[in-house]
């Protein structure tokens, strides 16, 4: 599921077995294709299970600098609404 900044659901994908990873479902979803094609604007925030895209911000796996750590910290705070 995808929610906006007011916690309203803007996309829900169903029909996959529980063992399928969220990133696989997202990659196969219509909304992912719409973001990739530029039909939908905005930025999504995801966890480290997702690949980073121009429309999907994910944590850095091996932060090295203060900027990297700050990025991860700020991203985590934004995701925990």
C-alpha atoms as a PDB file:
ATOM      1  CA  UNK A   1       0.000   0.000   0.000  1.00  0.00           C
ATOM      2  CA  UNK A   2       1.060   3.580  -0.623  1.00  0.00           C
ATOM      3  CA  UNK A   3      -0.148   6.439   1.550  1.00  0.00           C
ATOM      4  CA  UNK A   4       0.287  10.173   1.083  1.00  0.00           C
ATOM      5  CA  UNK A   5       1.494  12.703   3.635  1.00  0.00           C
ATOM      6  CA  UNK A   6      -1.963  12.835   5.261  1.00  0.00           C
ATOM      7  CA  UNK A   7      -1.971   9.023   5.636  1.00  0.00           C
ATOM      8  CA  UNK A   8      -4.650   8.514   2.962  1.00  0.00           C
ATOM      9  CA  UNK A   9      -4.254   5.379   0.874  1.00  0.00           C
ATOM     10  CA  UNK A  10      -3.454   6.289  -2.721  1.00  0.00           C
ATOM     11  CA  UNK A  11      -2.608   2.794  -3.998  1.00  0.00           C
ATOM     12  CA  UNK A  12      -3.246  -0.759  -2.824  1.00  0.00           C
ATOM     13  CA  UNK A  13      -2.107  -3.937  -4.578  1.00  0.00           C
ATOM     14  CA  UNK A  14      -3.800  -7.234  -3.704  1.00  0.00           C
ATOM     15  CA  UNK A  15      -3.788 -10.767  -5.019  1.00  0.00           C
ATOM     16  CA  UNK A  16      -0.223 -11.795  -4.195  1.00  0.00           C
ATOM     17  CA  UNK A  17       0.625 -14.619  -1.757  1.00  0.00           C
ATOM     18  CA  UNK A  18       2.011 -13.539   1.610  1.00  0.00           C
ATOM     19  CA  UNK A  19       5.479 -14.874   0.824  1.00  0.00           C
ATOM     20  CA  UNK A  20       6.046 -12.392  -2.027  1.00  0.00           C
ATOM     21  CA  UNK A  21       8.311  -9.479  -1.102  1.00  0.00           C
ATOM     22  CA  UNK A  22       6.776  -6.011  -1.184  1.00  0.00           C
ATOM     23  CA  UNK A  23       9.386  -4.804  -3.681  1.00  0.00           C
ATOM     24  CA  UNK A  24       8.387  -7.488  -6.183  1.00  0.00           C
ATOM     25  CA  UNK A  25       4.732  -6.530  -5.892  1.00  0.00           C
ATOM     26  CA  UNK A  26       5.610  -2.855  -6.304  1.00  0.00           C
ATOM     27  CA  UNK A  27       7.828  -3.509  -9.330  1.00  0.00           C
ATOM     28  CA  UNK A  28       4.922  -5.345 -10.989  1.00  0.00           C
ATOM     29  CA  UNK A  29       2.317  -2.736 -10.039  1.00  0.00           C
ATOM     30  CA  UNK A  30       0.645  -0.280 -12.361  1.00  0.00           C
ATOM     31  CA  UNK A  31       1.702   2.675 -10.216  1.00  0.00           C
ATOM     32  CA  UNK A  32       5.391   1.745 -10.479  1.00  0.00           C
ATOM     33  CA  UNK A  33       5.064   1.796 -14.266  1.00  0.00           C
ATOM     34  CA  UNK A  34       3.288   5.138 -14.062  1.00  0.00           C
ATOM     35  CA  UNK A  35       6.136   6.595 -11.999  1.00  0.00           C
ATOM     36  CA  UNK A  36       8.726   5.136 -14.398  1.00  0.00           C
ATOM     37  CA  UNK A  37       6.934   6.642 -17.415  1.00  0.00           C
ATOM     38  CA  UNK A  38       6.495  10.022 -15.721  1.00  0.00           C
ATOM     39  CA  UNK A  39       2.698   9.730 -15.700  1.00  0.00           C
ATOM     40  CA  UNK A  40       2.660  10.218 -11.921  1.00  0.00           C
ATOM     41  CA  UNK A  41       4.770  12.820 -10.162  1.00  0.00           C
ATOM     42  CA  UNK A  42       6.134  12.831  -6.656  1.00  0.00           C
ATOM     43  CA  UNK A  43       8.639  11.020  -4.495  1.00  0.00           C
ATOM     44  CA  UNK A  44       8.044   7.781  -2.620  1.00  0.00           C
ATOM     45  CA  UNK A  45       9.929   6.773   0.528  1.00  0.00           C
ATOM     46  CA  UNK A  46      10.853   3.124   0.912  1.00  0.00           C
ATOM     47  CA  UNK A  47      12.921   0.875   3.120  1.00  0.00           C
ATOM     48  CA  UNK A  48      16.144  -0.909   2.194  1.00  0.00           C
ATOM     49  CA  UNK A  49      14.202  -3.774   0.605  1.00  0.00           C
ATOM     50  CA  UNK A  50      13.467  -1.557  -2.400  1.00  0.00           C
ATOM     51  CA  UNK A  51      15.810  -0.477  -5.172  1.00  0.00           C
ATOM     52  CA  UNK A  52      16.459   3.262  -5.327  1.00  0.00           C
ATOM     53  CA  UNK A  53      14.887   5.067  -8.321  1.00  0.00           C
ATOM     54  CA  UNK A  54      14.511   8.712  -9.277  1.00  0.00           C
ATOM     55  CA  UNK A  55      11.015   8.528  -7.740  1.00  0.00           C
ATOM     56  CA  UNK A  56      11.806   6.208  -4.801  1.00  0.00           C
ATOM     57  CA  UNK A  57      14.168   7.248  -2.010  1.00  0.00           C
ATOM     58  CA  UNK A  58      15.653   4.389   0.000  1.00  0.00           C
ATOM     59  CA  UNK A  59      18.307   4.267   2.744  1.00  0.00           C
ATOM     60  CA  UNK A  60      21.967   4.062   1.830  1.00  0.00           C
ATOM     61  CA  UNK A  61      23.181   0.559   2.671  1.00  0.00           C
ATOM     62  CA  UNK A  62      26.717   1.569   3.668  1.00  0.00           C
ATOM     63  CA  UNK A  63      26.688   5.186   4.825  1.00  0.00           C
ATOM     64  CA  UNK A  64      30.210   6.586   5.011  1.00  0.00           C
ATOM     65  CA  UNK A  65      29.905  10.308   5.644  1.00  0.00           C
ATOM     66  CA  UNK A  66      27.943  12.543   7.987  1.00  0.00           C
ATOM     67  CA  UNK A  67      25.797  13.535   4.985  1.00  0.00           C
ATOM     68  CA  UNK A  68      25.036   9.847   4.322  1.00  0.00           C
ATOM     69  CA  UNK A  69      24.086   9.245   7.963  1.00  0.00           C
ATOM     70  CA  UNK A  70      21.941  12.396   8.031  1.00  0.00           C
ATOM     71  CA  UNK A  71      20.175  11.282   4.836  1.00  0.00           C
ATOM     72  CA  UNK A  72      19.350   7.887   6.366  1.00  0.00           C
ATOM     73  CA  UNK A  73      18.246   9.452   9.644  1.00  0.00           C
ATOM     74  CA  UNK A  74      15.964  11.976   7.937  1.00  0.00           C
ATOM     75  CA  UNK A  75      14.517   9.334   5.627  1.00  0.00           C
ATOM     76  CA  UNK A  76      13.756   7.061   8.585  1.00  0.00           C
ATOM     77  CA  UNK A  77      11.998   9.879  10.463  1.00  0.00           C
ATOM     78  CA  UNK A  78       9.853  10.704   7.421  1.00  0.00           C
ATOM     79  CA  UNK A  79       8.822   7.076   6.965  1.00  0.00           C
ATOM     80  CA  UNK A  80       7.691   6.677  10.590  1.00  0.00           C
ATOM     81  CA  UNK A  81       4.566   8.788  10.471  1.00  0.00           C
END
